[in-house]
Amino acid sequence: MGEVGWNEWLSMMSSLAVVLVLLGATLFGLKKMGLSRTKDATKNLNVSEVHNLGPRQKLIVITINNEQVLLGVTPQAINRLGNWPEQEAVDDLNQSIDINQLEPDFESPSDSPGKFQQLMSQVAKRTAERKKH
């Protein structure tokens, strides 16, 4: 066996580096695309809609076990604002809520979490009024 020169050593190390970079990129890509072994075909939780109210507040409609749930999400808390069976959800989602018609009593969305809860209760009340009519 002969001695390994600098050219052979450099060639082996660069080949190893290329293989490691390609492996890392492949694993990162699979993770981002959600193709992992832990993905379950019987997934019961689904995010149906997301509506941003501000930079850090949003309304989220999720479907879980044939029921839809409206969540109010802030940096401090996640609150369940309402729920209904999935069959009625299609009809209710067709009647969209115009957020611009709501009149919040605060200047900026970051005033306090209590004020955001007041806004969410206004949304829930208007939705209930539209269901009655």
C-alpha atoms as a PDB file:
ATOM      1  CA  MET A   1       0.000   0.000   0.000  1.00  0.00           C
ATOM      2  CA  GLY A   2       1.305   3.336  -0.990  1.00  0.00           C
ATOM      3  CA  GLU A   3       1.057   6.572   0.891  1.00  0.00           C
ATOM      4  CA  VAL A   4      -2.014   8.742   0.440  1.00  0.00           C
ATOM      5  CA  GLY A   5      -1.060  12.099  -0.978  1.00  0.00           C
ATOM      6  CA  TRP A   6      -2.683  15.474  -0.487  1.00  0.00           C
ATOM      7  CA  ASN A   7      -4.655  15.240  -3.734  1.00  0.00           C
ATOM      8  CA  GLU A   8      -6.256  11.920  -2.805  1.00  0.00           C
ATOM      9  CA  TRP A   9      -6.983  13.074   0.746  1.00  0.00           C
ATOM     10  CA  LEU A  10      -8.527  16.341  -0.463  1.00  0.00           C
ATOM     11  CA  SER A  11     -10.622  14.454  -3.022  1.00  0.00           C
ATOM     12  CA  MET A  12     -11.962  12.027  -0.378  1.00  0.00           C
ATOM     13  CA  MET A  13     -12.792  14.784   2.112  1.00  0.00           C
ATOM     14  CA  SER A  14     -14.570  16.920  -0.494  1.00  0.00           C
ATOM     15  CA  SER A  15     -16.594  13.887  -1.638  1.00  0.00           C
ATOM     16  CA  LEU A  16     -17.581  13.173   1.952  1.00  0.00           C
ATOM     17  CA  ALA A  17     -18.574  16.820   2.476  1.00  0.00           C
ATOM     18  CA  VAL A  18     -20.759  16.783  -0.667  1.00  0.00           C
ATOM     19  CA  VAL A  19     -22.511  13.586   0.468  1.00  0.00           C
ATOM     20  CA  LEU A  20     -23.163  15.026   3.958  1.00  0.00           C
ATOM     21  CA  VAL A  21     -24.533  18.298   2.546  1.00  0.00           C
ATOM     22  CA  LEU A  22     -26.853  16.423   0.160  1.00  0.00           C
ATOM     23  CA  LEU A  23     -28.066  14.181   2.999  1.00  0.00           C
ATOM     24  CA  GLY A  24     -28.784  17.192   5.218  1.00  0.00           C
ATOM     25  CA  ALA A  25     -30.601  19.039   2.417  1.00  0.00           C
ATOM     26  CA  THR A  26     -32.728  15.973   1.672  1.00  0.00           C
ATOM     27  CA  LEU A  27     -33.710  15.483   5.321  1.00  0.00           C
ATOM     28  CA  PHE A  28     -34.501  19.199   5.724  1.00  0.00           C
ATOM     29  CA  GLY A  29     -36.648  19.129   2.572  1.00  0.00           C
ATOM     30  CA  LEU A  30     -38.567  16.061   3.747  1.00  0.00           C
ATOM     31  CA  LYS A  31     -39.232  17.700   7.106  1.00  0.00           C
ATOM     32  CA  LYS A  32     -40.487  20.921   5.493  1.00  0.00           C
ATOM     33  CA  MET A  33     -42.781  19.038   3.110  1.00  0.00           C
ATOM     34  CA  GLY A  34     -44.173  16.976   5.973  1.00  0.00           C
ATOM     35  CA  LEU A  35     -43.109  13.638   4.565  1.00  0.00           C
ATOM     36  CA  SER A  36     -42.083  11.856   7.701  1.00  0.00           C
ATOM     37  CA  ARG A  37     -42.722   8.391   9.057  1.00  0.00           C
ATOM     38  CA  THR A  38     -44.903   9.795  11.837  1.00  0.00           C
ATOM     39  CA  LYS A  39     -47.566  11.114   9.470  1.00  0.00           C
ATOM     40  CA  ASP A  40     -50.826   9.368  10.295  1.00  0.00           C
ATOM     41  CA  ALA A  41     -53.395   8.596   7.603  1.00  0.00           C
ATOM     42  CA  THR A  42     -56.213   8.874  10.162  1.00  0.00           C
ATOM     43  CA  LYS A  43     -55.542  12.506  11.005  1.00  0.00           C
ATOM     44  CA  ASN A  44     -58.545  13.962  12.872  1.00  0.00           C
ATOM     45  CA  LEU A  45     -57.309  17.553  13.304  1.00  0.00           C
ATOM     46  CA  ASN A  46     -57.418  19.918  10.333  1.00  0.00           C
ATOM     47  CA  VAL A  47     -56.959  23.695  10.077  1.00  0.00           C
ATOM     48  CA  SER A  48     -59.829  24.851   7.851  1.00  0.00           C
ATOM     49  CA  GLU A  49     -59.320  28.620   7.804  1.00  0.00           C
ATOM     50  CA  VAL A  50     -57.064  31.279   9.297  1.00  0.00           C
ATOM     51  CA  HIS A  51     -57.981  34.984   9.413  1.00  0.00           C
ATOM     52  CA  ASN A  52     -55.324  37.425  10.652  1.00  0.00           C
ATOM     53  CA  LEU A  53     -56.760  40.243  12.754  1.00  0.00           C
ATOM     54  CA  GLY A  54     -53.424  41.874  13.455  1.00  0.00           C
ATOM     55  CA  PRO A  55     -49.742  41.080  13.527  1.00  0.00           C
ATOM     56  CA  ARG A  56     -50.113  38.669  16.443  1.00  0.00           C
ATOM     57  CA  GLN A  57     -53.860  37.948  16.682  1.00  0.00           C
ATOM     58  CA  LYS A  58     -55.865  35.618  14.503  1.00  0.00           C
ATOM     59  CA  LEU A  59     -59.058  33.637  14.196  1.00  0.00           C
ATOM     60  CA  ILE A  60     -58.614  29.971  13.336  1.00  0.00           C
ATOM     61  CA  VAL A  61     -61.301  27.476  12.340  1.00  0.00           C
ATOM     62  CA  ILE A  62     -60.219  23.890  12.960  1.00  0.00           C
ATOM     63  CA  THR A  63     -62.042  20.650  12.214  1.00  0.00           C
ATOM     64  CA  ILE A  64     -61.670  17.870  14.736  1.00  0.00           C
ATOM     65  CA  ASN A  65     -63.744  14.682  14.925  1.00  0.00           C
ATOM     66  CA  ASN A  66     -66.430  16.006  12.529  1.00  0.00           C
ATOM     67  CA  GLU A  67     -66.833  19.212  14.527  1.00  0.00           C
ATOM     68  CA  GLN A  68     -65.569  22.688  13.681  1.00  0.00           C
ATOM     69  CA  VAL A  69     -64.144  24.934  16.403  1.00  0.00           C
ATOM     70  CA  LEU A  70     -63.456  28.684  16.201  1.00  0.00           C
ATOM     71  CA  LEU A  71     -60.330  29.703  18.128  1.00  0.00           C
ATOM     72  CA  GLY A  72     -59.062  33.178  19.019  1.00  0.00           C
ATOM     73  CA  VAL A  73     -55.266  33.151  19.148  1.00  0.00           C
ATOM     74  CA  THR A  74     -53.124  35.818  20.846  1.00  0.00           C
ATOM     75  CA  PRO A  75     -49.522  35.675  22.069  1.00  0.00           C
ATOM     76  CA  GLN A  76     -50.832  35.178  25.615  1.00  0.00           C
ATOM     77  CA  ALA A  77     -53.654  32.664  25.099  1.00  0.00           C
ATOM     78  CA  ILE A  78     -55.751  30.492  22.820  1.00  0.00           C
ATOM     79  CA  ASN A  79     -59.499  30.749  23.487  1.00  0.00           C
ATOM     80  CA  ARG A  80     -62.331  28.618  22.109  1.00  0.00           C
ATOM     81  CA  LEU A  81     -64.955  31.031  20.844  1.00  0.00           C
ATOM     82  CA  GLY A  82     -67.485  28.565  19.509  1.00  0.00           C
ATOM     83  CA  ASN A  83     -68.079  25.198  17.931  1.00  0.00           C
ATOM     84  CA  TRP A  84     -70.630  23.594  15.605  1.00  0.00           C
ATOM     85  CA  PRO A  85     -71.109  20.327  13.717  1.00  0.00           C
ATOM     86  CA  GLU A  86     -69.279  20.081  10.409  1.00  0.00           C
ATOM     87  CA  GLN A  87     -72.466  19.782   8.281  1.00  0.00           C
ATOM     88  CA  GLU A  88     -73.713  23.207   9.368  1.00  0.00           C
ATOM     89  CA  ALA A  89     -70.219  24.679   9.030  1.00  0.00           C
ATOM     90  CA  VAL A  90     -70.400  24.876   5.249  1.00  0.00           C
ATOM     91  CA  ASP A  91     -73.539  27.027   5.436  1.00  0.00           C
ATOM     92  CA  ASP A  92     -72.112  29.210   8.196  1.00  0.00           C
ATOM     93  CA  LEU A  93     -68.836  29.823   6.388  1.00  0.00           C
ATOM     94  CA  ASN A  94     -70.743  31.082   3.347  1.00  0.00           C
ATOM     95  CA  GLN A  95     -72.004  33.939   5.520  1.00  0.00           C
ATOM     96  CA  SER A  96     -68.681  35.654   6.097  1.00  0.00           C
ATOM     97  CA  ILE A  97     -68.178  38.157   8.869  1.00  0.00           C
ATOM     98  CA  ASP A  98     -67.007  41.582   7.735  1.00  0.00           C
ATOM     99  CA  ILE A  99     -64.331  42.459  10.286  1.00  0.00           C
ATOM    100  CA  ASN A 100     -64.353  46.085   9.101  1.00  0.00           C
ATOM    101  CA  GLN A 101     -67.914  46.512  10.448  1.00  0.00           C
ATOM    102  CA  LEU A 102     -66.803  45.670  13.964  1.00  0.00           C
ATOM    103  CA  GLU A 103     -66.051  48.628  16.173  1.00  0.00           C
ATOM    104  CA  PRO A 104     -63.284  47.775  18.615  1.00  0.00           C
ATOM    105  CA  ASP A 105     -62.898  50.118  21.569  1.00  0.00           C
ATOM    106  CA  PHE A 106     -59.109  50.201  21.521  1.00  0.00           C
ATOM    107  CA  GLU A 107     -56.515  51.952  19.384  1.00  0.00           C
ATOM    108  CA  SER A 108     -53.986  49.230  18.649  1.00  0.00           C
ATOM    109  CA  PRO A 109     -54.224  45.424  18.692  1.00  0.00           C
ATOM    110  CA  SER A 110     -51.471  45.186  21.294  1.00  0.00           C
ATOM    111  CA  ASP A 111     -53.303  47.129  24.045  1.00  0.00           C
ATOM    112  CA  SER A 112     -54.243  44.101  26.129  1.00  0.00           C
ATOM    113  CA  PRO A 113     -55.462  40.535  25.790  1.00  0.00           C
ATOM    114  CA  GLY A 114     -58.767  41.484  27.481  1.00  0.00           C
ATOM    115  CA  LYS A 115     -59.626  43.909  24.704  1.00  0.00           C
ATOM    116  CA  PHE A 116     -58.949  41.220  22.106  1.00  0.00           C
ATOM    117  CA  GLN A 117     -61.360  38.937  23.953  1.00  0.00           C
ATOM    118  CA  GLN A 118     -63.994  41.702  23.752  1.00  0.00           C
ATOM    119  CA  LEU A 119     -63.495  41.868  19.995  1.00  0.00           C
ATOM    120  CA  MET A 120     -63.836  38.087  19.753  1.00  0.00           C
ATOM    121  CA  SER A 121     -67.069  38.190  21.758  1.00  0.00           C
ATOM    122  CA  GLN A 122     -68.413  40.807  19.299  1.00  0.00           C
ATOM    123  CA  VAL A 123     -67.597  38.405  16.458  1.00  0.00           C
ATOM    124  CA  ALA A 124     -69.369  35.555  18.253  1.00  0.00           C
ATOM    125  CA  LYS A 125     -72.465  37.700  18.973  1.00  0.00           C
ATOM    126  CA  ARG A 126     -72.760  38.815  15.356  1.00  0.00           C
ATOM    127  CA  THR A 127     -72.398  35.251  14.174  1.00  0.00           C
ATOM    128  CA  ALA A 128     -75.161  34.154  16.564  1.00  0.00           C
ATOM    129  CA  GLU A 129     -77.413  36.990  15.334  1.00  0.00           C
ATOM    130  CA  ARG A 130     -76.894  35.945  11.712  1.00  0.00           C
ATOM    131  CA  LYS A 131     -77.770  32.348  12.573  1.00  0.00           C
ATOM    132  CA  LYS A 132     -81.086  33.478  14.095  1.00  0.00           C
ATOM    133  CA  HIS A 133     -82.083  35.429  10.969  1.00  0.00           C
END
